[in-house]
Amino acid sequence: MNKTYQQTVLEKLPTLQTSIDKYHLVQEANRMVDEVRQIEIRLAKSKFFNKADTLARGKISKQAARKLLLEEKK
């Protein structure tokens, strides 16, 4: 599943068919889920995420949202 390996194989042996076994497919999926989970945790700890989350749920007006976003940029 390594991109460099796949590119090399396609370059050197273009007619060769490759396959990925289930174990490595699940392993890569778990790695990606963990990466997204870590990003979500970091975002949840930041002030901007909490304000954006509030905005997304429609708990404040658009004017108040713009004001908060402008304050964040300062």
Protein backbone atom coordinates (compact mmCIF):
# COMPACT_ATOMS: atom_id res chain seq x y z
CA MET A 1 0.00 0.00 0.00
CA ASN A 2 3.04 2.25 0.08
CA LYS A 3 2.57 4.98 -2.55
CA THR A 4 6.23 4.98 -3.58
CA TYR A 5 6.15 1.22 -4.05
CA GLN A 6 2.97 1.43 -6.12
CA GLN A 7 4.38 4.19 -8.32
CA THR A 8 7.60 2.26 -8.89
CA VAL A 9 5.75 -0.91 -9.82
CA LEU A 10 3.47 0.97 -12.22
CA GLU A 11 6.47 2.70 -13.78
CA LYS A 12 8.66 -0.38 -14.19
CA LEU A 13 5.98 -3.04 -14.71
CA PRO A 14 2.92 -1.27 -16.15
CA THR A 15 1.08 -4.48 -17.11
CA LEU A 16 1.46 -6.08 -13.68
CA GLN A 17 -1.66 -6.36 -11.54
CA THR A 18 -1.21 -5.67 -7.84
CA SER A 19 -3.45 -6.52 -4.92
CA ILE A 20 -3.78 -5.52 -1.29
CA ASP A 21 -4.54 -8.07 1.40
CA LYS A 22 -7.34 -7.49 3.91
CA TYR A 23 -4.99 -7.21 6.89
CA HIS A 24 -3.08 -4.25 5.43
CA LEU A 25 -6.28 -2.63 4.19
CA VAL A 26 -7.79 -2.74 7.71
CA GLN A 27 -4.48 -1.58 9.19
CA GLU A 28 -4.44 1.48 6.91
CA ALA A 29 -8.10 2.24 7.66
CA ASN A 30 -7.41 2.12 11.41
CA ARG A 31 -4.39 4.38 10.96
CA MET A 32 -6.52 6.91 9.08
CA VAL A 33 -9.29 6.81 11.71
CA ASP A 34 -6.72 7.40 14.46
CA GLU A 35 -5.28 10.34 12.54
CA VAL A 36 -8.71 11.94 12.14
CA ARG A 37 -9.50 11.28 15.81
CA GLN A 38 -6.30 13.04 16.89
CA ILE A 39 -7.10 16.04 14.68
CA GLU A 40 -10.62 16.23 16.10
CA ILE A 41 -9.27 16.16 19.66
CA ARG A 42 -6.83 18.98 18.91
CA LEU A 43 -9.58 21.04 17.27
CA ALA A 44 -11.96 20.44 20.15
CA LYS A 45 -9.39 21.91 22.53
CA SER A 46 -9.00 25.08 20.50
CA LYS A 47 -11.21 28.13 21.01
CA PHE A 48 -12.04 28.47 17.33
CA PHE A 49 -13.52 24.98 17.08
CA ASN A 50 -15.88 25.63 19.96
CA LYS A 51 -17.08 28.86 18.38
CA ALA A 52 -17.38 27.24 14.95
CA ASP A 53 -19.30 24.36 16.51
CA THR A 54 -21.69 26.83 18.12
CA LEU A 55 -22.12 28.56 14.76
CA ALA A 56 -22.76 25.28 12.99
CA ARG A 57 -25.53 24.41 15.40
CA GLY A 58 -27.20 27.76 14.78
CA LYS A 59 -27.12 28.92 18.38
CA ILE A 60 -26.07 32.47 17.53
CA SER A 61 -26.97 35.01 14.86
CA LYS A 62 -24.94 35.59 11.72
CA GLN A 63 -23.88 39.04 12.96
CA ALA A 64 -22.63 37.60 16.23
CA ALA A 65 -20.84 34.88 14.27
CA ARG A 66 -19.05 37.41 12.09
CA LYS A 67 -18.03 39.38 15.17
CA LEU A 68 -16.58 36.27 16.82
CA LEU A 69 -14.69 35.27 13.68
CA LEU A 70 -13.24 38.77 13.30
CA GLU A 71 -12.10 38.69 16.92
CA GLU A 72 -10.40 35.34 16.31
CA LYS A 73 -8.42 36.77 13.40
CA LYS A 74 -6.99 39.56 15.59
